[in-house]
Amino acid sequence: MQEKVYHTSFEQEEKYWWYIGRNVIIRSFLEKFCKLEKGSTVLDIGCGTGGFAASISQKYIPFCLDTSQIALEYCKKRGIKNVFNSTIEDFELPDSKINALTLLDVIEHIENDFSVIKNAHRILDERGWLIVTVPAYSWLWSKHDELVMHERRYARKQLSDLLKSAGFQVEYSSYFNFFLFLPAVLKRFYNEHFVKEVDLESVEKVPEFLNKVFKNIFAFESKILQKIKLPFGLSIIAIARKI
């Protein structure tokens, strides 16, 4: 990713609605679906500036892996000790077993997404859990995807097939960021046709009151996703197990 994206992420991860809502959803799956015990090791691949890893550090032992030294320096500022500057292909297993592994909005940045998932399978402990999130729908491709250097967007079946082909058993998959889908699509249409590229930011600014509203709406999906699969949304989440 472009360097400015890391700086923006570090500034926004603990207060911007999208980061907070997504982290609430992922934590709820780790706790209620995967049923990870306290002290379990969770490897966050493509960890960025460590916002998610920091958010689980009270209950689990986070490991952070990224190819950006800038990102890892930010992880250290958050107090995360286990940081690794490496690709997943070259990553050497630490002494600890990896009970769960997260790829949160990562594989869409990588040309060979199968290689990433296959190496995730290699790294995980037997019967370990994998949580993947990706942006949904190729037809939603926009200037924002180019800014954050995406290679693709996904359909739900496409992601499930990818995980199965790498040796995982898909336990759950669903679209999410459902309730904000329509306003987000309209906003992207506006950006595509009326906003100059130089005006775009990796994190779009919203007024504080809207940020709070969006955060509550998005985080609320953590309760719904435990019970039903949503028919569409801006993103996709898949929970898989190593077999």
C-alpha atoms as a PDB file:
ATOM      1  CA  MET A   1       0.000   0.000   0.000  1.00  0.00           C
ATOM      2  CA  GLN A   2       1.005   3.624  -0.360  1.00  0.00           C
ATOM      3  CA  GLU A   3       2.895   4.941   2.664  1.00  0.00           C
ATOM      4  CA  LYS A   4       0.285   7.591   3.481  1.00  0.00           C
ATOM      5  CA  VAL A   5      -2.309   4.825   3.970  1.00  0.00           C
ATOM      6  CA  TYR A   6      -0.350   3.485   6.969  1.00  0.00           C
ATOM      7  CA  HIS A   7      -0.130   6.928   8.564  1.00  0.00           C
ATOM      8  CA  THR A   8      -3.864   7.468   8.099  1.00  0.00           C
ATOM      9  CA  SER A   9      -4.699   3.999   9.434  1.00  0.00           C
ATOM     10  CA  PHE A  10      -2.699   4.515  12.623  1.00  0.00           C
ATOM     11  CA  GLU A  11      -4.483   7.800  13.256  1.00  0.00           C
ATOM     12  CA  GLN A  12      -7.961   6.416  12.566  1.00  0.00           C
ATOM     13  CA  GLU A  13      -8.056   2.744  13.640  1.00  0.00           C
ATOM     14  CA  GLU A  14      -9.219   3.416  17.177  1.00  0.00           C
ATOM     15  CA  LYS A  15     -11.939   5.929  16.285  1.00  0.00           C
ATOM     16  CA  TYR A  16     -13.140   5.479  12.687  1.00  0.00           C
ATOM     17  CA  TRP A  17     -16.446   3.639  12.353  1.00  0.00           C
ATOM     18  CA  TRP A  18     -15.320   1.079   9.765  1.00  0.00           C
ATOM     19  CA  TYR A  19     -12.288  -0.136  11.725  1.00  0.00           C
ATOM     20  CA  ILE A  20     -14.171  -0.275  15.025  1.00  0.00           C
ATOM     21  CA  GLY A  21     -17.215  -2.048  13.589  1.00  0.00           C
ATOM     22  CA  ARG A  22     -15.165  -4.622  11.709  1.00  0.00           C
ATOM     23  CA  ASN A  23     -13.056  -5.375  14.786  1.00  0.00           C
ATOM     24  CA  VAL A  24     -16.173  -5.896  16.904  1.00  0.00           C
ATOM     25  CA  ILE A  25     -17.458  -8.396  14.338  1.00  0.00           C
ATOM     26  CA  ILE A  26     -14.153 -10.322  14.125  1.00  0.00           C
ATOM     27  CA  ARG A  27     -13.784 -10.489  17.917  1.00  0.00           C
ATOM     28  CA  SER A  28     -17.322 -11.814  18.241  1.00  0.00           C
ATOM     29  CA  PHE A  29     -16.499 -14.674  15.855  1.00  0.00           C
ATOM     30  CA  LEU A  30     -13.272 -15.525  17.666  1.00  0.00           C
ATOM     31  CA  GLU A  31     -15.115 -15.692  20.977  1.00  0.00           C
ATOM     32  CA  LYS A  32     -18.508 -17.164  20.087  1.00  0.00           C
ATOM     33  CA  PHE A  33     -17.959 -19.152  16.885  1.00  0.00           C
ATOM     34  CA  CYS A  34     -14.345 -20.301  17.130  1.00  0.00           C
ATOM     35  CA  LYS A  35     -14.584 -20.426  20.943  1.00  0.00           C
ATOM     36  CA  LEU A  36     -10.902 -19.633  21.406  1.00  0.00           C
ATOM     37  CA  GLU A  37      -9.689 -19.982  24.965  1.00  0.00           C
ATOM     38  CA  LYS A  38      -8.065 -17.099  26.770  1.00  0.00           C
ATOM     39  CA  GLY A  39      -4.345 -17.017  25.956  1.00  0.00           C
ATOM     40  CA  SER A  40      -4.766 -18.529  22.487  1.00  0.00           C
ATOM     41  CA  THR A  41      -2.339 -17.292  19.837  1.00  0.00           C
ATOM     42  CA  VAL A  42      -3.784 -15.283  16.942  1.00  0.00           C
ATOM     43  CA  LEU A  43      -1.599 -14.396  13.967  1.00  0.00           C
ATOM     44  CA  ASP A  44      -2.782 -11.322  12.071  1.00  0.00           C
ATOM     45  CA  ILE A  45      -1.265 -11.471   8.588  1.00  0.00           C
ATOM     46  CA  GLY A  46      -1.053  -8.160   6.795  1.00  0.00           C
ATOM     47  CA  CYS A  47      -1.639  -6.597  10.186  1.00  0.00           C
ATOM     48  CA  GLY A  48      -1.122  -3.027   9.039  1.00  0.00           C
ATOM     49  CA  THR A  49      -0.629  -0.685  11.980  1.00  0.00           C
ATOM     50  CA  GLY A  50      -1.923  -3.222  14.525  1.00  0.00           C
ATOM     51  CA  GLY A  51      -5.330  -1.843  15.439  1.00  0.00           C
ATOM     52  CA  PHE A  52      -7.043  -5.234  15.396  1.00  0.00           C
ATOM     53  CA  ALA A  53      -4.178  -7.024  17.158  1.00  0.00           C
ATOM     54  CA  ALA A  54      -4.213  -4.425  19.921  1.00  0.00           C
ATOM     55  CA  SER A  55      -7.984  -4.809  20.298  1.00  0.00           C
ATOM     56  CA  ILE A  56      -7.668  -8.540  21.144  1.00  0.00           C
ATOM     57  CA  SER A  57      -4.511  -8.329  23.272  1.00  0.00           C
ATOM     58  CA  GLN A  58      -6.394  -8.404  26.594  1.00  0.00           C
ATOM     59  CA  LYS A  59      -7.690 -11.900  25.886  1.00  0.00           C
ATOM     60  CA  TYR A  60      -5.391 -13.465  23.277  1.00  0.00           C
ATOM     61  CA  ILE A  61      -1.714 -13.396  22.370  1.00  0.00           C
ATOM     62  CA  PRO A  62      -1.436 -11.470  19.082  1.00  0.00           C
ATOM     63  CA  PHE A  63       1.300 -12.046  16.525  1.00  0.00           C
ATOM     64  CA  CYS A  64       1.654  -9.425  13.772  1.00  0.00           C
ATOM     65  CA  LEU A  65       3.057 -10.154  10.312  1.00  0.00           C
ATOM     66  CA  ASP A  66       3.553  -7.517   7.629  1.00  0.00           C
ATOM     67  CA  THR A  67       5.980  -6.670   4.846  1.00  0.00           C
ATOM     68  CA  SER A  68       5.996  -2.979   5.794  1.00  0.00           C
ATOM     69  CA  GLN A  69       8.461  -1.872   8.443  1.00  0.00           C
ATOM     70  CA  ILE A  70       6.459   1.339   8.806  1.00  0.00           C
ATOM     71  CA  ALA A  71       3.373  -0.675   9.731  1.00  0.00           C
ATOM     72  CA  LEU A  72       5.297  -2.782  12.248  1.00  0.00           C
ATOM     73  CA  GLU A  73       6.764   0.282  13.939  1.00  0.00           C
ATOM     74  CA  TYR A  74       3.209   1.464  14.504  1.00  0.00           C
ATOM     75  CA  CYS A  75       2.350  -1.992  15.922  1.00  0.00           C
ATOM     76  CA  LYS A  76       5.166  -1.572  18.436  1.00  0.00           C
ATOM     77  CA  LYS A  77       3.789   1.829  19.425  1.00  0.00           C
ATOM     78  CA  ARG A  78       0.571   0.036  20.323  1.00  0.00           C
ATOM     79  CA  GLY A  79       2.528  -2.240  22.664  1.00  0.00           C
ATOM     80  CA  ILE A  80       2.500  -5.358  20.489  1.00  0.00           C
ATOM     81  CA  LYS A  81       5.670  -7.373  21.112  1.00  0.00           C
ATOM     82  CA  ASN A  82       5.440 -10.244  18.614  1.00  0.00           C
ATOM     83  CA  VAL A  83       5.990  -8.541  15.247  1.00  0.00           C
ATOM     84  CA  PHE A  84       7.501 -10.122  12.136  1.00  0.00           C
ATOM     85  CA  ASN A  85       8.699  -8.376   8.978  1.00  0.00           C
ATOM     86  CA  SER A  86       8.167 -11.062   6.347  1.00  0.00           C
ATOM     87  CA  THR A  87       5.952 -12.380   3.609  1.00  0.00           C
ATOM     88  CA  ILE A  88       3.726 -15.290   4.552  1.00  0.00           C
ATOM     89  CA  GLU A  89       5.688 -17.530   2.168  1.00  0.00           C
ATOM     90  CA  ASP A  90       8.955 -16.870   4.050  1.00  0.00           C
ATOM     91  CA  PHE A  91       7.472 -16.806   7.534  1.00  0.00           C
ATOM     92  CA  GLU A  92       9.116 -19.234   9.956  1.00  0.00           C
ATOM     93  CA  LEU A  93       6.873 -20.584  12.660  1.00  0.00           C
ATOM     94  CA  PRO A  94       7.562 -19.265  16.168  1.00  0.00           C
ATOM     95  CA  ASP A  95       7.756 -21.681  19.096  1.00  0.00           C
ATOM     96  CA  SER A  96       4.093 -21.042  19.852  1.00  0.00           C
ATOM     97  CA  LYS A  97       1.324 -22.843  18.007  1.00  0.00           C
ATOM     98  CA  ILE A  98      -0.957 -20.623  15.942  1.00  0.00           C
ATOM     99  CA  ASN A  99      -4.512 -21.330  17.102  1.00  0.00           C
ATOM    100  CA  ALA A 100      -6.167 -18.833  14.762  1.00  0.00           C
ATOM    101  CA  LEU A 101      -5.088 -16.733  11.834  1.00  0.00           C
ATOM    102  CA  THR A 102      -6.707 -13.606  10.425  1.00  0.00           C
ATOM    103  CA  LEU A 103      -6.458 -12.150   6.935  1.00  0.00           C
ATOM    104  CA  LEU A 104      -8.482  -8.966   7.291  1.00  0.00           C
ATOM    105  CA  ASP A 105      -8.832  -7.170   3.974  1.00  0.00           C
ATOM    106  CA  VAL A 106      -5.469  -8.509   2.838  1.00  0.00           C
ATOM    107  CA  ILE A 107      -5.712 -11.018  -0.007  1.00  0.00           C
ATOM    108  CA  GLU A 108      -7.381  -8.550  -2.359  1.00  0.00           C
ATOM    109  CA  HIS A 109      -4.037  -6.700  -2.392  1.00  0.00           C
ATOM    110  CA  ILE A 110      -2.057  -9.757  -3.517  1.00  0.00           C
ATOM    111  CA  GLU A 111      -1.819 -11.066  -7.058  1.00  0.00           C
ATOM    112  CA  ASN A 112      -1.543 -14.736  -6.054  1.00  0.00           C
ATOM    113  CA  ASP A 113      -4.244 -15.028  -3.400  1.00  0.00           C
ATOM    114  CA  PHE A 114      -4.161 -18.848  -3.525  1.00  0.00           C
ATOM    115  CA  SER A 115      -0.516 -18.865  -2.382  1.00  0.00           C
ATOM    116  CA  VAL A 116      -1.436 -16.764   0.644  1.00  0.00           C
ATOM    117  CA  ILE A 117      -4.280 -19.070   1.671  1.00  0.00           C
ATOM    118  CA  LYS A 118      -2.153 -22.182   1.100  1.00  0.00           C
ATOM    119  CA  ASN A 119       0.583 -20.799   3.335  1.00  0.00           C
ATOM    120  CA  ALA A 120      -2.003 -19.890   5.952  1.00  0.00           C
ATOM    121  CA  HIS A 121      -2.930 -23.571   5.953  1.00  0.00           C
ATOM    122  CA  ARG A 122       0.747 -24.480   6.452  1.00  0.00           C
ATOM    123  CA  ILE A 123       1.202 -22.124   9.397  1.00  0.00           C
ATOM    124  CA  LEU A 124      -1.947 -22.962  11.351  1.00  0.00           C
ATOM    125  CA  ASP A 125      -2.023 -25.569  14.083  1.00  0.00           C
ATOM    126  CA  GLU A 126      -4.105 -28.677  13.412  1.00  0.00           C
ATOM    127  CA  ARG A 127      -7.813 -27.787  13.376  1.00  0.00           C
ATOM    128  CA  GLY A 128      -6.829 -24.128  13.653  1.00  0.00           C
ATOM    129  CA  TRP A 129      -9.224 -21.375  12.609  1.00  0.00           C
ATOM    130  CA  LEU A 130      -8.897 -18.951   9.708  1.00  0.00           C
ATOM    131  CA  ILE A 131     -10.938 -15.738   9.439  1.00  0.00           C
ATOM    132  CA  VAL A 132     -10.862 -13.872   6.135  1.00  0.00           C
ATOM    133  CA  THR A 133     -12.539 -10.622   5.142  1.00  0.00           C
ATOM    134  CA  VAL A 134     -12.501  -9.146   1.638  1.00  0.00           C
ATOM    135  CA  PRO A 135     -14.308  -6.381  -0.277  1.00  0.00           C
ATOM    136  CA  ALA A 136     -17.348  -7.565  -2.230  1.00  0.00           C
ATOM    137  CA  TYR A 137     -18.466  -7.334  -5.857  1.00  0.00           C
ATOM    138  CA  SER A 138     -16.310  -6.605  -8.871  1.00  0.00           C
ATOM    139  CA  TRP A 139     -18.910  -4.127 -10.103  1.00  0.00           C
ATOM    140  CA  LEU A 140     -18.157  -1.937  -7.069  1.00  0.00           C
ATOM    141  CA  TRP A 141     -14.587  -1.357  -8.296  1.00  0.00           C
ATOM    142  CA  SER A 142     -13.707   2.332  -7.869  1.00  0.00           C
ATOM    143  CA  LYS A 143     -10.903   4.855  -7.588  1.00  0.00           C
ATOM    144  CA  HIS A 144     -10.698   3.967  -3.913  1.00  0.00           C
ATOM    145  CA  ASP A 145      -9.680   0.392  -4.838  1.00  0.00           C
ATOM    146  CA  GLU A 146      -6.877   1.818  -6.949  1.00  0.00           C
ATOM    147  CA  LEU A 147      -5.755   4.163  -4.172  1.00  0.00           C
ATOM    148  CA  VAL A 148      -5.373   1.290  -1.687  1.00  0.00           C
ATOM    149  CA  MET A 149      -3.886  -0.951  -4.418  1.00  0.00           C
ATOM    150  CA  HIS A 150      -6.480  -3.700  -4.669  1.00  0.00           C
ATOM    151  CA  GLU A 151      -6.060  -6.469  -7.233  1.00  0.00           C
ATOM    152  CA  ARG A 152      -9.704  -7.577  -7.150  1.00  0.00           C
ATOM    153  CA  ARG A 153     -13.002  -7.691  -5.287  1.00  0.00           C
ATOM    154  CA  TYR A 154     -14.814 -10.965  -4.511  1.00  0.00           C
ATOM    155  CA  ALA A 155     -18.113 -12.816  -4.630  1.00  0.00           C
ATOM    156  CA  ARG A 156     -18.992 -15.058  -1.662  1.00  0.00           C
ATOM    157  CA  LYS A 157     -18.775 -18.312  -3.623  1.00  0.00           C
ATOM    158  CA  GLN A 158     -15.464 -17.230  -5.149  1.00  0.00           C
ATOM    159  CA  LEU A 159     -13.941 -16.775  -1.678  1.00  0.00           C
ATOM    160  CA  SER A 160     -15.339 -20.084  -0.390  1.00  0.00           C
ATOM    161  CA  ASP A 161     -13.994 -21.958  -3.414  1.00  0.00           C
ATOM    162  CA  LEU A 162     -10.568 -20.403  -2.872  1.00  0.00           C
ATOM    163  CA  LEU A 163     -10.463 -21.569   0.753  1.00  0.00           C
ATOM    164  CA  LYS A 164     -11.607 -25.088  -0.122  1.00  0.00           C
ATOM    165  CA  SER A 165      -9.002 -25.387  -2.878  1.00  0.00           C
ATOM    166  CA  ALA A 166      -6.270 -24.633  -0.319  1.00  0.00           C
ATOM    167  CA  GLY A 167      -7.389 -27.392   2.072  1.00  0.00           C
ATOM    168  CA  PHE A 168      -9.804 -25.583   4.380  1.00  0.00           C
ATOM    169  CA  GLN A 169     -13.288 -26.546   5.434  1.00  0.00           C
ATOM    170  CA  VAL A 170     -15.526 -23.479   5.231  1.00  0.00           C
ATOM    171  CA  GLU A 171     -17.669 -23.387   8.366  1.00  0.00           C
ATOM    172  CA  TYR A 172     -19.402 -20.072   7.684  1.00  0.00           C
ATOM    173  CA  SER A 173     -19.470 -17.311   5.076  1.00  0.00           C
ATOM    174  CA  SER A 174     -21.629 -14.249   4.638  1.00  0.00           C
ATOM    175  CA  TYR A 175     -21.734 -10.775   3.225  1.00  0.00           C
ATOM    176  CA  PHE A 176     -21.542  -8.041   5.848  1.00  0.00           C
ATOM    177  CA  ASN A 177     -21.647  -4.246   6.137  1.00  0.00           C
ATOM    178  CA  PHE A 178     -25.228  -4.759   4.994  1.00  0.00           C
ATOM    179  CA  PHE A 179     -27.133  -1.815   6.470  1.00  0.00           C
ATOM    180  CA  LEU A 180     -24.785   0.810   5.008  1.00  0.00           C
ATOM    181  CA  PHE A 181     -24.670  -0.824   1.590  1.00  0.00           C
ATOM    182  CA  LEU A 182     -26.981   1.537  -0.292  1.00  0.00           C
ATOM    183  CA  PRO A 183     -25.533   4.847   0.978  1.00  0.00           C
ATOM    184  CA  ALA A 184     -22.012   3.539   0.351  1.00  0.00           C
ATOM    185  CA  VAL A 185     -22.845   2.542  -3.226  1.00  0.00           C
ATOM    186  CA  LEU A 186     -24.357   5.977  -3.886  1.00  0.00           C
ATOM    187  CA  LYS A 187     -21.294   7.656  -2.371  1.00  0.00           C
ATOM    188  CA  ARG A 188     -18.972   5.646  -4.582  1.00  0.00           C
ATOM    189  CA  PHE A 189     -20.990   6.577  -7.641  1.00  0.00           C
ATOM    190  CA  TYR A 190     -20.602  10.231  -6.669  1.00  0.00           C
ATOM    191  CA  ASN A 191     -16.843   9.829  -6.113  1.00  0.00           C
ATOM    192  CA  GLU A 192     -16.375   8.094  -9.455  1.00  0.00           C
ATOM    193  CA  HIS A 193     -18.072  10.831 -11.421  1.00  0.00           C
ATOM    194  CA  PHE A 194     -17.573  14.038  -9.468  1.00  0.00           C
ATOM    195  CA  VAL A 195     -14.472  13.754  -7.256  1.00  0.00           C
ATOM    196  CA  LYS A 196     -10.953  14.233  -8.573  1.00  0.00           C
ATOM    197  CA  GLU A 197      -8.477  11.463  -7.766  1.00  0.00           C
ATOM    198  CA  VAL A 198      -6.237  13.848  -5.824  1.00  0.00           C
ATOM    199  CA  ASP A 199      -9.152  14.530  -3.457  1.00  0.00           C
ATOM    200  CA  LEU A 200      -9.595  10.897  -2.433  1.00  0.00           C
ATOM    201  CA  GLU A 201      -8.343   9.571   0.902  1.00  0.00           C
ATOM    202  CA  SER A 202      -7.958   5.966   2.076  1.00  0.00           C
ATOM    203  CA  VAL A 203     -10.310   6.840   4.951  1.00  0.00           C
ATOM    204  CA  GLU A 204     -13.141   9.147   3.932  1.00  0.00           C
ATOM    205  CA  LYS A 205     -13.838  11.804   6.538  1.00  0.00           C
ATOM    206  CA  VAL A 206     -17.303  11.968   8.069  1.00  0.00           C
ATOM    207  CA  PRO A 207     -18.717  14.283  10.761  1.00  0.00           C
ATOM    208  CA  GLU A 208     -18.300  13.013  14.304  1.00  0.00           C
ATOM    209  CA  PHE A 209     -22.014  12.417  14.843  1.00  0.00           C
ATOM    210  CA  LEU A 210     -22.223  10.354  11.631  1.00  0.00           C
ATOM    211  CA  ASN A 211     -19.101   8.445  12.606  1.00  0.00           C
ATOM    212  CA  LYS A 212     -20.829   7.439  15.849  1.00  0.00           C
ATOM    213  CA  VAL A 213     -24.040   6.449  14.042  1.00  0.00           C
ATOM    214  CA  PHE A 214     -22.174   4.389  11.428  1.00  0.00           C
ATOM    215  CA  LYS A 215     -20.064   2.723  14.134  1.00  0.00           C
ATOM    216  CA  ASN A 216     -23.144   1.596  16.062  1.00  0.00           C
ATOM    217  CA  ILE A 217     -24.936   0.371  12.931  1.00  0.00           C
ATOM    218  CA  PHE A 218     -21.920  -1.587  11.680  1.00  0.00           C
ATOM    219  CA  ALA A 219     -21.028  -3.083  15.075  1.00  0.00           C
ATOM    220  CA  PHE A 220     -24.657  -4.191  15.536  1.00  0.00           C
ATOM    221  CA  GLU A 221     -24.144  -6.662  12.695  1.00  0.00           C
ATOM    222  CA  SER A 222     -21.963  -8.746  15.031  1.00  0.00           C
ATOM    223  CA  LYS A 223     -25.173  -9.875  16.764  1.00  0.00           C
ATOM    224  CA  ILE A 224     -27.016 -10.599  13.526  1.00  0.00           C
ATOM    225  CA  LEU A 225     -24.177 -12.479  11.814  1.00  0.00           C
ATOM    226  CA  GLN A 226     -24.075 -15.025  14.635  1.00  0.00           C
ATOM    227  CA  LYS A 227     -27.618 -16.078  13.704  1.00  0.00           C
ATOM    228  CA  ILE A 228     -28.131 -15.504   9.982  1.00  0.00           C
ATOM    229  CA  LYS A 229     -26.181 -14.961   6.774  1.00  0.00           C
ATOM    230  CA  LEU A 230     -26.751 -11.601   5.132  1.00  0.00           C
ATOM    231  CA  PRO A 231     -27.721 -11.669   1.432  1.00  0.00           C
ATOM    232  CA  PHE A 232     -25.457  -8.814   0.340  1.00  0.00           C
ATOM    233  CA  GLY A 233     -23.053  -6.229   1.721  1.00  0.00           C
ATOM    234  CA  LEU A 234     -19.934  -4.227   1.046  1.00  0.00           C
ATOM    235  CA  SER A 235     -17.675  -6.994   2.386  1.00  0.00           C
ATOM    236  CA  ILE A 236     -17.509 -10.760   2.829  1.00  0.00           C
ATOM    237  CA  ILE A 237     -16.432 -12.732   5.876  1.00  0.00           C
ATOM    238  CA  ALA A 238     -15.493 -16.418   5.852  1.00  0.00           C
ATOM    239  CA  ILE A 239     -14.644 -18.670   8.786  1.00  0.00           C
ATOM    240  CA  ALA A 240     -12.710 -21.801   7.879  1.00  0.00           C
ATOM    241  CA  ARG A 241     -10.955 -24.634   9.676  1.00  0.00           C
ATOM    242  CA  LYS A 242      -7.766 -26.443   8.752  1.00  0.00           C
ATOM    243  CA  ILE A 243      -8.398 -30.053   7.796  1.00  0.00           C
END
